[in-house]
Amino acid sequence: MHGMNWTLADIASVLAVEVVGNPEALIQRVITDSRIASAGDLFVALVGERANGHDFVASVIEQGALALLLTQAPKQPLSVPYLLVEDAVTAMQQLAAAWRLKHRLNPVVLITGSNGKTSVKEMIRAGLSARDGTGVLATQGNLNNHLGVPMTLLSLCDEHDSAVIEVGANHVGEIAQLGALAAPSVAVITSIGRAHVGEFGSLDNIKRAKGEIWQALPATGGVAVVPVVEADSEFDGWSFWQDALAPHRVIAFGDMTNLSVNRGWQAWVGVVERQATADGQLVRLATSDWGDATLQLPIAGAHQANNFAAVVAALLASGLSWQSIQTGLSEAKLPGGRLRLLTPLPDLLIIDDTYNANASSMKAAIGVLMEQSAKTHAFVMGPMGELGDESQALHEQVVDFACEAGVKAFLASGPLSASLVQRFDVQQPLADVTLASEDTQRLAEALWQLYQQKGSMAVLVKGSRSARMERVVEALVKLASQSAN
């Protein structure tokens, strides 16, 4: 795809600063990583806790960078032009907003939520690709923060026809700021949960913060895709969003039982039923405006069926057909560490869901575990971060859910692991295995011994990113590989 082709003078005009040096330098790309600098790049020198981008100015110039965006005036003359700004992050966001408006895209889908953001983003990207091919701009990984959103938008090219942008937050006000950069035509909230409740301060603040996404929609003509749960559920955000939703076309999604009473939406997409299959699930959907369909989703989990309803709502509202959606979704894949199903040996299934975790996603993943056919079901629980004062209660809530679901082996790591294992033991005195340990190898060996005893096992490994629970997955896979050899 062609590059940016934006003169430094134009960039300076957006930022209301002067160019020091050649204003006609033609910028092809904006970067913040000095290691990838090459000809045509504008290098943004960020100042972080661990590194100062200004320390790498000489090296990026040597690598061919065409211009610099600095917050610290150079101590000696530079061989390339530069811009001097007060705040580099703010400047990047301003550039991203301006660059986005230079492109006509249909649709631009903006996504947030406590759980399911990346899954929904990947499914929408796959659906749009059936129509637009490689002309779909999508957030890479989960680069959904104050740097990731502008960097994604700054990678827009003339060949892009549509975009799907993920935006995350752990403080009130972030989504309002970042969402506006994307100028979306469709905005989606996937779910409300207790993710980052320690930072937000309360569940109500989470609802308010997620609802900031509606502000990013155009004054008229915008489409809002809204999750609907039981009206008396603590995770129901409707009352917080109702006024902000009034100017937009609202499409509700969720289980059909929760869509039976219309609380103010213009259309809906509901999950009627689902059936787990060897390679995902069959999901039957009903809609208010587009008919009904049963589609094959190559992703497991009841919660993913609900996410799928959100995806279908966004795509149908954007003019895609059921056939295009099915064609695109047949190629949908989730990034590593998100419900990745591994079968290193016959009758040994490892569910790698180690990318991140909160109480809601833990329960959803346990649901996927218990759908698997196996003689025993094991759960390796890592710690969940950023839960504040509710941390202990939410960890215990997940353990109770696992017991009720029928998990027969429970292993845990993290500061609460001993008490969580004890809680599991009380409820499941005949458990196959229980273990609290910080030793990755020991956890994997306990799982391996259980598999050898049972001959058939499904195991879920999950925890917050900081826990690095993927090490348990890697160690277990290695044990299985050594046995096979």
Foldseek 3Di string as FASTA:
>chain_A
DFFDQDFQLNLCVLVVFDKDPDRRLGARAEDADLVPAAARYEHEFADDPPDTRVVCVVVSVVRHHQEYEEQDDDPDDDPHMYTHDPHRLVSLLSVLLVLLVVAAAFFEEEEEELDDQQVLQLLLQLLVCLPLPVQEQEQDDCLAFSPSLSNSSNRHDRSHHYYYHYHYDLEAPRLLSSLLSNLGQEYEYLWQDLALCLSHVHSLSSLLRSLSNLVNYPQANGEYEYEFDAPPDSGGSCVNNVVSCVRYQYEYEEAPVRPPDDPDHDKYKHWDDWAADPQAIWTWIQIDPQGIDIAGARHHFPSVSRSVRSSCVVVVVSPDHPVSSRNSRVPRDGDPQCQDWDDLDPQEIEGRNAAADFLVVLLRVLRRQLVDDWPAEEEEEEAHPNNRPCRVVSLLVSLVSNLVSPHQEYEYEDPCGVVSLVSNCVSRVPGPYYYYDLDLLVLLVVVVVSCVVRVHYYYYFYHGNVSPSVSNVVNNSVVSVVVVD
